Amino acid sequence: DGTILKPNDRYPLTKEVFRLYYTS
C-alpha cells in the first residue's frame, strides 16, 4: 500500500494476501 516500514515499529496488517518490497 506504499507504507515504508521503519525497523522495529509495528504496522497493522489489514489483508491476508499482501506483498512486501525490499530495496537494497
PDBML (XML) file of the C-alpha atoms, coordinates in Angstrom:
<?xml version="1.0" encoding="UTF-8" ?>
<PDBx:datablock datablockName="MODEL"
   xmlns:PDBx="http://pdbml.pdb.org/schema/pdbx-v50.xsd"
   xmlns:xsi="http://www.w3.org/2001/XMLSchema-instance"
   xsi:schemaLocation="http://pdbml.pdb.org/schema/pdbx-v50.xsd pdbx-v50.xsd">
   <PDBx:atom_siteCategory>
      <PDBx:atom_site id="1">
         <PDBx:B_iso_or_equiv>0.00</PDBx:B_iso_or_equiv>
         <PDBx:Cartn_x>0.000</PDBx:Cartn_x>
         <PDBx:Cartn_y>0.000</PDBx:Cartn_y>
         <PDBx:Cartn_z>0.000</PDBx:Cartn_z>
         <PDBx:auth_asym_id>A</PDBx:auth_asym_id>
         <PDBx:auth_atom_id>CA</PDBx:auth_atom_id>
         <PDBx:auth_comp_id>ASP</PDBx:auth_comp_id>
         <PDBx:auth_seq_id>1</PDBx:auth_seq_id>
         <PDBx:group_PDB>ATOM</PDBx:group_PDB>
         <PDBx:label_alt_id xsi:nil="true" />
         <PDBx:label_asym_id>A</PDBx:label_asym_id>
         <PDBx:label_atom_id>CA</PDBx:label_atom_id>
         <PDBx:label_comp_id>ASP</PDBx:label_comp_id>
         <PDBx:label_entity_id>1</PDBx:label_entity_id>
         <PDBx:label_seq_id>1</PDBx:label_seq_id>
         <PDBx:occupancy>1.00</PDBx:occupancy>
         <PDBx:pdbx_PDB_model_num>1</PDBx:pdbx_PDB_model_num>
         <PDBx:type_symbol>C</PDBx:type_symbol>
      </PDBx:atom_site>
      <PDBx:atom_site id="2">
         <PDBx:B_iso_or_equiv>0.00</PDBx:B_iso_or_equiv>
         <PDBx:Cartn_x>3.093</PDBx:Cartn_x>
         <PDBx:Cartn_y>2.228</PDBx:Cartn_y>
         <PDBx:Cartn_z>-0.145</PDBx:Cartn_z>
         <PDBx:auth_asym_id>A</PDBx:auth_asym_id>
         <PDBx:auth_atom_id>CA</PDBx:auth_atom_id>
         <PDBx:auth_comp_id>GLY</PDBx:auth_comp_id>
         <PDBx:auth_seq_id>2</PDBx:auth_seq_id>
         <PDBx:group_PDB>ATOM</PDBx:group_PDB>
         <PDBx:label_alt_id xsi:nil="true" />
         <PDBx:label_asym_id>A</PDBx:label_asym_id>
         <PDBx:label_atom_id>CA</PDBx:label_atom_id>
         <PDBx:label_comp_id>GLY</PDBx:label_comp_id>
         <PDBx:label_entity_id>1</PDBx:label_entity_id>
         <PDBx:label_seq_id>2</PDBx:label_seq_id>
         <PDBx:occupancy>1.00</PDBx:occupancy>
         <PDBx:pdbx_PDB_model_num>1</PDBx:pdbx_PDB_model_num>
         <PDBx:type_symbol>C</PDBx:type_symbol>
      </PDBx:atom_site>
      <PDBx:atom_site id="3">
         <PDBx:B_iso_or_equiv>0.00</PDBx:B_iso_or_equiv>
         <PDBx:Cartn_x>3.812</PDBx:Cartn_x>
         <PDBx:Cartn_y>2.334</PDBx:Cartn_y>
         <PDBx:Cartn_z>3.598</PDBx:Cartn_z>
         <PDBx:auth_asym_id>A</PDBx:auth_asym_id>
         <PDBx:auth_atom_id>CA</PDBx:auth_atom_id>
         <PDBx:auth_comp_id>THR</PDBx:auth_comp_id>
         <PDBx:auth_seq_id>3</PDBx:auth_seq_id>
         <PDBx:group_PDB>ATOM</PDBx:group_PDB>
         <PDBx:label_alt_id xsi:nil="true" />
         <PDBx:label_asym_id>A</PDBx:label_asym_id>
         <PDBx:label_atom_id>CA</PDBx:label_atom_id>
         <PDBx:label_comp_id>THR</PDBx:label_comp_id>
         <PDBx:label_entity_id>1</PDBx:label_entity_id>
         <PDBx:label_seq_id>3</PDBx:label_seq_id>
         <PDBx:occupancy>1.00</PDBx:occupancy>
         <PDBx:pdbx_PDB_model_num>1</PDBx:pdbx_PDB_model_num>
         <PDBx:type_symbol>C</PDBx:type_symbol>
      </PDBx:atom_site>
      <PDBx:atom_site id="4">
         <PDBx:B_iso_or_equiv>0.00</PDBx:B_iso_or_equiv>
         <PDBx:Cartn_x>7.569</PDBx:Cartn_x>
         <PDBx:Cartn_y>2.446</PDBx:Cartn_y>
         <PDBx:Cartn_z>4.220</PDBx:Cartn_z>
         <PDBx:auth_asym_id>A</PDBx:auth_asym_id>
         <PDBx:auth_atom_id>CA</PDBx:auth_atom_id>
         <PDBx:auth_comp_id>ILE</PDBx:auth_comp_id>
         <PDBx:auth_seq_id>4</PDBx:auth_seq_id>
         <PDBx:group_PDB>ATOM</PDBx:group_PDB>
         <PDBx:label_alt_id xsi:nil="true" />
         <PDBx:label_asym_id>A</PDBx:label_asym_id>
         <PDBx:label_atom_id>CA</PDBx:label_atom_id>
         <PDBx:label_comp_id>ILE</PDBx:label_comp_id>
         <PDBx:label_entity_id>1</PDBx:label_entity_id>
         <PDBx:label_seq_id>4</PDBx:label_seq_id>
         <PDBx:occupancy>1.00</PDBx:occupancy>
         <PDBx:pdbx_PDB_model_num>1</PDBx:pdbx_PDB_model_num>
         <PDBx:type_symbol>C</PDBx:type_symbol>
      </PDBx:atom_site>
      <PDBx:atom_site id="5">
         <PDBx:B_iso_or_equiv>0.00</PDBx:B_iso_or_equiv>
         <PDBx:Cartn_x>8.305</PDBx:Cartn_x>
         <PDBx:Cartn_y>0.412</PDBx:Cartn_y>
         <PDBx:Cartn_z>7.326</PDBx:Cartn_z>
         <PDBx:auth_asym_id>A</PDBx:auth_asym_id>
         <PDBx:auth_atom_id>CA</PDBx:auth_atom_id>
         <PDBx:auth_comp_id>LEU</PDBx:auth_comp_id>
         <PDBx:auth_seq_id>5</PDBx:auth_seq_id>
         <PDBx:group_PDB>ATOM</PDBx:group_PDB>
         <PDBx:label_alt_id xsi:nil="true" />
         <PDBx:label_asym_id>A</PDBx:label_asym_id>
         <PDBx:label_atom_id>CA</PDBx:label_atom_id>
         <PDBx:label_comp_id>LEU</PDBx:label_comp_id>
         <PDBx:label_entity_id>1</PDBx:label_entity_id>
         <PDBx:label_seq_id>5</PDBx:label_seq_id>
         <PDBx:occupancy>1.00</PDBx:occupancy>
         <PDBx:pdbx_PDB_model_num>1</PDBx:pdbx_PDB_model_num>
         <PDBx:type_symbol>C</PDBx:type_symbol>
      </PDBx:atom_site>
      <PDBx:atom_site id="6">
         <PDBx:B_iso_or_equiv>0.00</PDBx:B_iso_or_equiv>
         <PDBx:Cartn_x>10.694</PDBx:Cartn_x>
         <PDBx:Cartn_y>1.669</PDBx:Cartn_y>
         <PDBx:Cartn_z>9.962</PDBx:Cartn_z>
         <PDBx:auth_asym_id>A</PDBx:auth_asym_id>
         <PDBx:auth_atom_id>CA</PDBx:auth_atom_id>
         <PDBx:auth_comp_id>LYS</PDBx:auth_comp_id>
         <PDBx:auth_seq_id>6</PDBx:auth_seq_id>
         <PDBx:group_PDB>ATOM</PDBx:group_PDB>
         <PDBx:label_alt_id xsi:nil="true" />
         <PDBx:label_asym_id>A</PDBx:label_asym_id>
         <PDBx:label_atom_id>CA</PDBx:label_atom_id>
         <PDBx:label_comp_id>LYS</PDBx:label_comp_id>
         <PDBx:label_entity_id>1</PDBx:label_entity_id>
         <PDBx:label_seq_id>6</PDBx:label_seq_id>
         <PDBx:occupancy>1.00</PDBx:occupancy>
         <PDBx:pdbx_PDB_model_num>1</PDBx:pdbx_PDB_model_num>
         <PDBx:type_symbol>C</PDBx:type_symbol>
      </PDBx:atom_site>
      <PDBx:atom_site id="7">
         <PDBx:B_iso_or_equiv>0.00</PDBx:B_iso_or_equiv>
         <PDBx:Cartn_x>12.704</PDBx:Cartn_x>
         <PDBx:Cartn_y>-1.014</PDBx:Cartn_y>
         <PDBx:Cartn_z>11.789</PDBx:Cartn_z>
         <PDBx:auth_asym_id>A</PDBx:auth_asym_id>
         <PDBx:auth_atom_id>CA</PDBx:auth_atom_id>
         <PDBx:auth_comp_id>PRO</PDBx:auth_comp_id>
         <PDBx:auth_seq_id>7</PDBx:auth_seq_id>
         <PDBx:group_PDB>ATOM</PDBx:group_PDB>
         <PDBx:label_alt_id xsi:nil="true" />
         <PDBx:label_asym_id>A</PDBx:label_asym_id>
         <PDBx:label_atom_id>CA</PDBx:label_atom_id>
         <PDBx:label_comp_id>PRO</PDBx:label_comp_id>
         <PDBx:label_entity_id>1</PDBx:label_entity_id>
         <PDBx:label_seq_id>7</PDBx:label_seq_id>
         <PDBx:occupancy>1.00</PDBx:occupancy>
         <PDBx:pdbx_PDB_model_num>1</PDBx:pdbx_PDB_model_num>
         <PDBx:type_symbol>C</PDBx:type_symbol>
      </PDBx:atom_site>
      <PDBx:atom_site id="8">
         <PDBx:B_iso_or_equiv>0.00</PDBx:B_iso_or_equiv>
         <PDBx:Cartn_x>11.017</PDBx:Cartn_x>
         <PDBx:Cartn_y>-2.338</PDBx:Cartn_y>
         <PDBx:Cartn_z>14.943</PDBx:Cartn_z>
         <PDBx:auth_asym_id>A</PDBx:auth_asym_id>
         <PDBx:auth_atom_id>CA</PDBx:auth_atom_id>
         <PDBx:auth_comp_id>ASN</PDBx:auth_comp_id>
         <PDBx:auth_seq_id>8</PDBx:auth_seq_id>
         <PDBx:group_PDB>ATOM</PDBx:group_PDB>
         <PDBx:label_alt_id xsi:nil="true" />
         <PDBx:label_asym_id>A</PDBx:label_asym_id>
         <PDBx:label_atom_id>CA</PDBx:label_atom_id>
         <PDBx:label_comp_id>ASN</PDBx:label_comp_id>
         <PDBx:label_entity_id>1</PDBx:label_entity_id>
         <PDBx:label_seq_id>8</PDBx:label_seq_id>
         <PDBx:occupancy>1.00</PDBx:occupancy>
         <PDBx:pdbx_PDB_model_num>1</PDBx:pdbx_PDB_model_num>
         <PDBx:type_symbol>C</PDBx:type_symbol>
      </PDBx:atom_site>
      <PDBx:atom_site id="9">
         <PDBx:B_iso_or_equiv>0.00</PDBx:B_iso_or_equiv>
         <PDBx:Cartn_x>7.859</PDBx:Cartn_x>
         <PDBx:Cartn_y>-0.221</PDBx:Cartn_y>
         <PDBx:Cartn_z>14.511</PDBx:Cartn_z>
         <PDBx:auth_asym_id>A</PDBx:auth_asym_id>
         <PDBx:auth_atom_id>CA</PDBx:auth_atom_id>
         <PDBx:auth_comp_id>ASP</PDBx:auth_comp_id>
         <PDBx:auth_seq_id>9</PDBx:auth_seq_id>
         <PDBx:group_PDB>ATOM</PDBx:group_PDB>
         <PDBx:label_alt_id xsi:nil="true" />
         <PDBx:label_asym_id>A</PDBx:label_asym_id>
         <PDBx:label_atom_id>CA</PDBx:label_atom_id>
         <PDBx:label_comp_id>ASP</PDBx:label_comp_id>
         <PDBx:label_entity_id>1</PDBx:label_entity_id>
         <PDBx:label_seq_id>9</PDBx:label_seq_id>
         <PDBx:occupancy>1.00</PDBx:occupancy>
         <PDBx:pdbx_PDB_model_num>1</PDBx:pdbx_PDB_model_num>
         <PDBx:type_symbol>C</PDBx:type_symbol>
      </PDBx:atom_site>
      <PDBx:atom_site id="10">
         <PDBx:B_iso_or_equiv>0.00</PDBx:B_iso_or_equiv>
         <PDBx:Cartn_x>4.547</PDBx:Cartn_x>
         <PDBx:Cartn_y>-2.097</PDBx:Cartn_y>
         <PDBx:Cartn_z>14.396</PDBx:Cartn_z>
         <PDBx:auth_asym_id>A</PDBx:auth_asym_id>
         <PDBx:auth_atom_id>CA</PDBx:auth_atom_id>
         <PDBx:auth_comp_id>ARG</PDBx:auth_comp_id>
         <PDBx:auth_seq_id>10</PDBx:auth_seq_id>
         <PDBx:group_PDB>ATOM</PDBx:group_PDB>
         <PDBx:label_alt_id xsi:nil="true" />
         <PDBx:label_asym_id>A</PDBx:label_asym_id>
         <PDBx:label_atom_id>CA</PDBx:label_atom_id>
         <PDBx:label_comp_id>ARG</PDBx:label_comp_id>
         <PDBx:label_entity_id>1</PDBx:label_entity_id>
         <PDBx:label_seq_id>10</PDBx:label_seq_id>
         <PDBx:occupancy>1.00</PDBx:occupancy>
         <PDBx:pdbx_PDB_model_num>1</PDBx:pdbx_PDB_model_num>
         <PDBx:type_symbol>C</PDBx:type_symbol>
      </PDBx:atom_site>
      <PDBx:atom_site id="11">
         <PDBx:B_iso_or_equiv>0.00</PDBx:B_iso_or_equiv>
         <PDBx:Cartn_x>2.200</PDBx:Cartn_x>
         <PDBx:Cartn_y>-1.623</PDBx:Cartn_y>
         <PDBx:Cartn_z>11.467</PDBx:Cartn_z>
         <PDBx:auth_asym_id>A</PDBx:auth_asym_id>
         <PDBx:auth_atom_id>CA</PDBx:auth_atom_id>
         <PDBx:auth_comp_id>TYR</PDBx:auth_comp_id>
         <PDBx:auth_seq_id>11</PDBx:auth_seq_id>
         <PDBx:group_PDB>ATOM</PDBx:group_PDB>
         <PDBx:label_alt_id xsi:nil="true" />
         <PDBx:label_asym_id>A</PDBx:label_asym_id>
         <PDBx:label_atom_id>CA</PDBx:label_atom_id>
         <PDBx:label_comp_id>TYR</PDBx:label_comp_id>
         <PDBx:label_entity_id>1</PDBx:label_entity_id>
         <PDBx:label_seq_id>11</PDBx:label_seq_id>
         <PDBx:occupancy>1.00</PDBx:occupancy>
         <PDBx:pdbx_PDB_model_num>1</PDBx:pdbx_PDB_model_num>
         <PDBx:type_symbol>C</PDBx:type_symbol>
      </PDBx:atom_site>
      <PDBx:atom_site id="12">
         <PDBx:B_iso_or_equiv>0.00</PDBx:B_iso_or_equiv>
         <PDBx:Cartn_x>-1.321</PDBx:Cartn_x>
         <PDBx:Cartn_y>-3.012</PDBx:Cartn_y>
         <PDBx:Cartn_z>11.083</PDBx:Cartn_z>
         <PDBx:auth_asym_id>A</PDBx:auth_asym_id>
         <PDBx:auth_atom_id>CA</PDBx:auth_atom_id>
         <PDBx:auth_comp_id>PRO</PDBx:auth_comp_id>
         <PDBx:auth_seq_id>12</PDBx:auth_seq_id>
         <PDBx:group_PDB>ATOM</PDBx:group_PDB>
         <PDBx:label_alt_id xsi:nil="true" />
         <PDBx:label_asym_id>A</PDBx:label_asym_id>
         <PDBx:label_atom_id>CA</PDBx:label_atom_id>
         <PDBx:label_comp_id>PRO</PDBx:label_comp_id>
         <PDBx:label_entity_id>1</PDBx:label_entity_id>
         <PDBx:label_seq_id>12</PDBx:label_seq_id>
         <PDBx:occupancy>1.00</PDBx:occupancy>
         <PDBx:pdbx_PDB_model_num>1</PDBx:pdbx_PDB_model_num>
         <PDBx:type_symbol>C</PDBx:type_symbol>
      </PDBx:atom_site>
      <PDBx:atom_site id="13">
         <PDBx:B_iso_or_equiv>0.00</PDBx:B_iso_or_equiv>
         <PDBx:Cartn_x>-1.680</PDBx:Cartn_x>
         <PDBx:Cartn_y>-5.881</PDBx:Cartn_y>
         <PDBx:Cartn_z>8.655</PDBx:Cartn_z>
         <PDBx:auth_asym_id>A</PDBx:auth_asym_id>
         <PDBx:auth_atom_id>CA</PDBx:auth_atom_id>
         <PDBx:auth_comp_id>LEU</PDBx:auth_comp_id>
         <PDBx:auth_seq_id>13</PDBx:auth_seq_id>
         <PDBx:group_PDB>ATOM</PDBx:group_PDB>
         <PDBx:label_alt_id xsi:nil="true" />
         <PDBx:label_asym_id>A</PDBx:label_asym_id>
         <PDBx:label_atom_id>CA</PDBx:label_atom_id>
         <PDBx:label_comp_id>LEU</PDBx:label_comp_id>
         <PDBx:label_entity_id>1</PDBx:label_entity_id>
         <PDBx:label_seq_id>13</PDBx:label_seq_id>
         <PDBx:occupancy>1.00</PDBx:occupancy>
         <PDBx:pdbx_PDB_model_num>1</PDBx:pdbx_PDB_model_num>
         <PDBx:type_symbol>C</PDBx:type_symbol>
      </PDBx:atom_site>
      <PDBx:atom_site id="14">
         <PDBx:B_iso_or_equiv>0.00</PDBx:B_iso_or_equiv>
         <PDBx:Cartn_x>-5.088</PDBx:Cartn_x>
         <PDBx:Cartn_y>-5.400</PDBx:Cartn_y>
         <PDBx:Cartn_z>7.050</PDBx:Cartn_z>
         <PDBx:auth_asym_id>A</PDBx:auth_asym_id>
         <PDBx:auth_atom_id>CA</PDBx:auth_atom_id>
         <PDBx:auth_comp_id>THR</PDBx:auth_comp_id>
         <PDBx:auth_seq_id>14</PDBx:auth_seq_id>
         <PDBx:group_PDB>ATOM</PDBx:group_PDB>
         <PDBx:label_alt_id xsi:nil="true" />
         <PDBx:label_asym_id>A</PDBx:label_asym_id>
         <PDBx:label_atom_id>CA</PDBx:label_atom_id>
         <PDBx:label_comp_id>THR</PDBx:label_comp_id>
         <PDBx:label_entity_id>1</PDBx:label_entity_id>
         <PDBx:label_seq_id>14</PDBx:label_seq_id>
         <PDBx:occupancy>1.00</PDBx:occupancy>
         <PDBx:pdbx_PDB_model_num>1</PDBx:pdbx_PDB_model_num>
         <PDBx:type_symbol>C</PDBx:type_symbol>
      </PDBx:atom_site>
      <PDBx:atom_site id="15">
         <PDBx:B_iso_or_equiv>0.00</PDBx:B_iso_or_equiv>
         <PDBx:Cartn_x>-5.009</PDBx:Cartn_x>
         <PDBx:Cartn_y>-8.083</PDBx:Cartn_y>
         <PDBx:Cartn_z>4.338</PDBx:Cartn_z>
         <PDBx:auth_asym_id>A</PDBx:auth_asym_id>
         <PDBx:auth_atom_id>CA</PDBx:auth_atom_id>
         <PDBx:auth_comp_id>LYS</PDBx:auth_comp_id>
         <PDBx:auth_seq_id>15</PDBx:auth_seq_id>
         <PDBx:group_PDB>ATOM</PDBx:group_PDB>
         <PDBx:label_alt_id xsi:nil="true" />
         <PDBx:label_asym_id>A</PDBx:label_asym_id>
         <PDBx:label_atom_id>CA</PDBx:label_atom_id>
         <PDBx:label_comp_id>LYS</PDBx:label_comp_id>
         <PDBx:label_entity_id>1</PDBx:label_entity_id>
         <PDBx:label_seq_id>15</PDBx:label_seq_id>
         <PDBx:occupancy>1.00</PDBx:occupancy>
         <PDBx:pdbx_PDB_model_num>1</PDBx:pdbx_PDB_model_num>
         <PDBx:type_symbol>C</PDBx:type_symbol>
      </PDBx:atom_site>
      <PDBx:atom_site id="16">
         <PDBx:B_iso_or_equiv>0.00</PDBx:B_iso_or_equiv>
         <PDBx:Cartn_x>-4.346</PDBx:Cartn_x>
         <PDBx:Cartn_y>-11.811</PDBx:Cartn_y>
         <PDBx:Cartn_z>4.378</PDBx:Cartn_z>
         <PDBx:auth_asym_id>A</PDBx:auth_asym_id>
         <PDBx:auth_atom_id>CA</PDBx:auth_atom_id>
         <PDBx:auth_comp_id>GLU</PDBx:auth_comp_id>
         <PDBx:auth_seq_id>16</PDBx:auth_seq_id>
         <PDBx:group_PDB>ATOM</PDBx:group_PDB>
         <PDBx:label_alt_id xsi:nil="true" />
         <PDBx:label_asym_id>A</PDBx:label_asym_id>
         <PDBx:label_atom_id>CA</PDBx:label_atom_id>
         <PDBx:label_comp_id>GLU</PDBx:label_comp_id>
         <PDBx:label_entity_id>1</PDBx:label_entity_id>
         <PDBx:label_seq_id>16</PDBx:label_seq_id>
         <PDBx:occupancy>1.00</PDBx:occupancy>
         <PDBx:pdbx_PDB_model_num>1</PDBx:pdbx_PDB_model_num>
         <PDBx:type_symbol>C</PDBx:type_symbol>
      </PDBx:atom_site>
      <PDBx:atom_site id="17">
         <PDBx:B_iso_or_equiv>0.00</PDBx:B_iso_or_equiv>
         <PDBx:Cartn_x>-2.639</PDBx:Cartn_x>
         <PDBx:Cartn_y>-11.700</PDBx:Cartn_y>
         <PDBx:Cartn_z>0.971</PDBx:Cartn_z>
         <PDBx:auth_asym_id>A</PDBx:auth_asym_id>
         <PDBx:auth_atom_id>CA</PDBx:auth_atom_id>
         <PDBx:auth_comp_id>VAL</PDBx:auth_comp_id>
         <PDBx:auth_seq_id>17</PDBx:auth_seq_id>
         <PDBx:group_PDB>ATOM</PDBx:group_PDB>
         <PDBx:label_alt_id xsi:nil="true" />
         <PDBx:label_asym_id>A</PDBx:label_asym_id>
         <PDBx:label_atom_id>CA</PDBx:label_atom_id>
         <PDBx:label_comp_id>VAL</PDBx:label_comp_id>
         <PDBx:label_entity_id>1</PDBx:label_entity_id>
         <PDBx:label_seq_id>17</PDBx:label_seq_id>
         <PDBx:occupancy>1.00</PDBx:occupancy>
         <PDBx:pdbx_PDB_model_num>1</PDBx:pdbx_PDB_model_num>
         <PDBx:type_symbol>C</PDBx:type_symbol>
      </PDBx:atom_site>
      <PDBx:atom_site id="18">
         <PDBx:B_iso_or_equiv>0.00</PDBx:B_iso_or_equiv>
         <PDBx:Cartn_x>-0.037</PDBx:Cartn_x>
         <PDBx:Cartn_y>-8.957</PDBx:Cartn_y>
         <PDBx:Cartn_z>0.750</PDBx:Cartn_z>
         <PDBx:auth_asym_id>A</PDBx:auth_asym_id>
         <PDBx:auth_atom_id>CA</PDBx:auth_atom_id>
         <PDBx:auth_comp_id>PHE</PDBx:auth_comp_id>
         <PDBx:auth_seq_id>18</PDBx:auth_seq_id>
         <PDBx:group_PDB>ATOM</PDBx:group_PDB>
         <PDBx:label_alt_id xsi:nil="true" />
         <PDBx:label_asym_id>A</PDBx:label_asym_id>
         <PDBx:label_atom_id>CA</PDBx:label_atom_id>
         <PDBx:label_comp_id>PHE</PDBx:label_comp_id>
         <PDBx:label_entity_id>1</PDBx:label_entity_id>
         <PDBx:label_seq_id>18</PDBx:label_seq_id>
         <PDBx:occupancy>1.00</PDBx:occupancy>
         <PDBx:pdbx_PDB_model_num>1</PDBx:pdbx_PDB_model_num>
         <PDBx:type_symbol>C</PDBx:type_symbol>
      </PDBx:atom_site>
      <PDBx:atom_site id="19">
         <PDBx:B_iso_or_equiv>0.00</PDBx:B_iso_or_equiv>
         <PDBx:Cartn_x>3.306</PDBx:Cartn_x>
         <PDBx:Cartn_y>-8.067</PDBx:Cartn_y>
         <PDBx:Cartn_z>-0.775</PDBx:Cartn_z>
         <PDBx:auth_asym_id>A</PDBx:auth_asym_id>
         <PDBx:auth_atom_id>CA</PDBx:auth_atom_id>
         <PDBx:auth_comp_id>ARG</PDBx:auth_comp_id>
         <PDBx:auth_seq_id>19</PDBx:auth_seq_id>
         <PDBx:group_PDB>ATOM</PDBx:group_PDB>
         <PDBx:label_alt_id xsi:nil="true" />
         <PDBx:label_asym_id>A</PDBx:label_asym_id>
         <PDBx:label_atom_id>CA</PDBx:label_atom_id>
         <PDBx:label_comp_id>ARG</PDBx:label_comp_id>
         <PDBx:label_entity_id>1</PDBx:label_entity_id>
         <PDBx:label_seq_id>19</PDBx:label_seq_id>
         <PDBx:occupancy>1.00</PDBx:occupancy>
         <PDBx:pdbx_PDB_model_num>1</PDBx:pdbx_PDB_model_num>
         <PDBx:type_symbol>C</PDBx:type_symbol>
      </PDBx:atom_site>
      <PDBx:atom_site id="20">
         <PDBx:B_iso_or_equiv>0.00</PDBx:B_iso_or_equiv>
         <PDBx:Cartn_x>6.439</PDBx:Cartn_x>
         <PDBx:Cartn_y>-6.561</PDBx:Cartn_y>
         <PDBx:Cartn_z>0.690</PDBx:Cartn_z>
         <PDBx:auth_asym_id>A</PDBx:auth_asym_id>
         <PDBx:auth_atom_id>CA</PDBx:auth_atom_id>
         <PDBx:auth_comp_id>LEU</PDBx:auth_comp_id>
         <PDBx:auth_seq_id>20</PDBx:auth_seq_id>
         <PDBx:group_PDB>ATOM</PDBx:group_PDB>
         <PDBx:label_alt_id xsi:nil="true" />
         <PDBx:label_asym_id>A</PDBx:label_asym_id>
         <PDBx:label_atom_id>CA</PDBx:label_atom_id>
         <PDBx:label_comp_id>LEU</PDBx:label_comp_id>
         <PDBx:label_entity_id>1</PDBx:label_entity_id>
         <PDBx:label_seq_id>20</PDBx:label_seq_id>
         <PDBx:occupancy>1.00</PDBx:occupancy>
         <PDBx:pdbx_PDB_model_num>1</PDBx:pdbx_PDB_model_num>
         <PDBx:type_symbol>C</PDBx:type_symbol>
      </PDBx:atom_site>
      <PDBx:atom_site id="21">
         <PDBx:B_iso_or_equiv>0.00</PDBx:B_iso_or_equiv>
         <PDBx:Cartn_x>9.162</PDBx:Cartn_x>
         <PDBx:Cartn_y>-4.848</PDBx:Cartn_y>
         <PDBx:Cartn_z>-1.326</PDBx:Cartn_z>
         <PDBx:auth_asym_id>A</PDBx:auth_asym_id>
         <PDBx:auth_atom_id>CA</PDBx:auth_atom_id>
         <PDBx:auth_comp_id>TYR</PDBx:auth_comp_id>
         <PDBx:auth_seq_id>21</PDBx:auth_seq_id>
         <PDBx:group_PDB>ATOM</PDBx:group_PDB>
         <PDBx:label_alt_id xsi:nil="true" />
         <PDBx:label_asym_id>A</PDBx:label_asym_id>
         <PDBx:label_atom_id>CA</PDBx:label_atom_id>
         <PDBx:label_comp_id>TYR</PDBx:label_comp_id>
         <PDBx:label_entity_id>1</PDBx:label_entity_id>
         <PDBx:label_seq_id>21</PDBx:label_seq_id>
         <PDBx:occupancy>1.00</PDBx:occupancy>
         <PDBx:pdbx_PDB_model_num>1</PDBx:pdbx_PDB_model_num>
         <PDBx:type_symbol>C</PDBx:type_symbol>
      </PDBx:atom_site>
      <PDBx:atom_site id="22">
         <PDBx:B_iso_or_equiv>0.00</PDBx:B_iso_or_equiv>
         <PDBx:Cartn_x>12.751</PDBx:Cartn_x>
         <PDBx:Cartn_y>-4.837</PDBx:Cartn_y>
         <PDBx:Cartn_z>-0.086</PDBx:Cartn_z>
         <PDBx:auth_asym_id>A</PDBx:auth_asym_id>
         <PDBx:auth_atom_id>CA</PDBx:auth_atom_id>
         <PDBx:auth_comp_id>TYR</PDBx:auth_comp_id>
         <PDBx:auth_seq_id>22</PDBx:auth_seq_id>
         <PDBx:group_PDB>ATOM</PDBx:group_PDB>
         <PDBx:label_alt_id xsi:nil="true" />
         <PDBx:label_asym_id>A</PDBx:label_asym_id>
         <PDBx:label_atom_id>CA</PDBx:label_atom_id>
         <PDBx:label_comp_id>TYR</PDBx:label_comp_id>
         <PDBx:label_entity_id>1</PDBx:label_entity_id>
         <PDBx:label_seq_id>22</PDBx:label_seq_id>
         <PDBx:occupancy>1.00</PDBx:occupancy>
         <PDBx:pdbx_PDB_model_num>1</PDBx:pdbx_PDB_model_num>
         <PDBx:type_symbol>C</PDBx:type_symbol>
      </PDBx:atom_site>
      <PDBx:atom_site id="23">
         <PDBx:B_iso_or_equiv>0.00</PDBx:B_iso_or_equiv>
         <PDBx:Cartn_x>15.088</PDBx:Cartn_x>
         <PDBx:Cartn_y>-2.331</PDBx:Cartn_y>
         <PDBx:Cartn_z>-1.765</PDBx:Cartn_z>
         <PDBx:auth_asym_id>A</PDBx:auth_asym_id>
         <PDBx:auth_atom_id>CA</PDBx:auth_atom_id>
         <PDBx:auth_comp_id>THR</PDBx:auth_comp_id>
         <PDBx:auth_seq_id>23</PDBx:auth_seq_id>
         <PDBx:group_PDB>ATOM</PDBx:group_PDB>
         <PDBx:label_alt_id xsi:nil="true" />
         <PDBx:label_asym_id>A</PDBx:label_asym_id>
         <PDBx:label_atom_id>CA</PDBx:label_atom_id>
         <PDBx:label_comp_id>THR</PDBx:label_comp_id>
         <PDBx:label_entity_id>1</PDBx:label_entity_id>
         <PDBx:label_seq_id>23</PDBx:label_seq_id>
         <PDBx:occupancy>1.00</PDBx:occupancy>
         <PDBx:pdbx_PDB_model_num>1</PDBx:pdbx_PDB_model_num>
         <PDBx:type_symbol>C</PDBx:type_symbol>
      </PDBx:atom_site>
      <PDBx:atom_site id="24">
         <PDBx:B_iso_or_equiv>0.00</PDBx:B_iso_or_equiv>
         <PDBx:Cartn_x>18.834</PDBx:Cartn_x>
         <PDBx:Cartn_y>-2.825</PDBx:Cartn_y>
         <PDBx:Cartn_z>-1.330</PDBx:Cartn_z>
         <PDBx:auth_asym_id>A</PDBx:auth_asym_id>
         <PDBx:auth_atom_id>CA</PDBx:auth_atom_id>
         <PDBx:auth_comp_id>SER</PDBx:auth_comp_id>
         <PDBx:auth_seq_id>24</PDBx:auth_seq_id>
         <PDBx:group_PDB>ATOM</PDBx:group_PDB>
         <PDBx:label_alt_id xsi:nil="true" />
         <PDBx:label_asym_id>A</PDBx:label_asym_id>
         <PDBx:label_atom_id>CA</PDBx:label_atom_id>
         <PDBx:label_comp_id>SER</PDBx:label_comp_id>
         <PDBx:label_entity_id>1</PDBx:label_entity_id>
         <PDBx:label_seq_id>24</PDBx:label_seq_id>
         <PDBx:occupancy>1.00</PDBx:occupancy>
         <PDBx:pdbx_PDB_model_num>1</PDBx:pdbx_PDB_model_num>
         <PDBx:type_symbol>C</PDBx:type_symbol>
      </PDBx:atom_site>
   </PDBx:atom_siteCategory>
</PDBx:datablock>
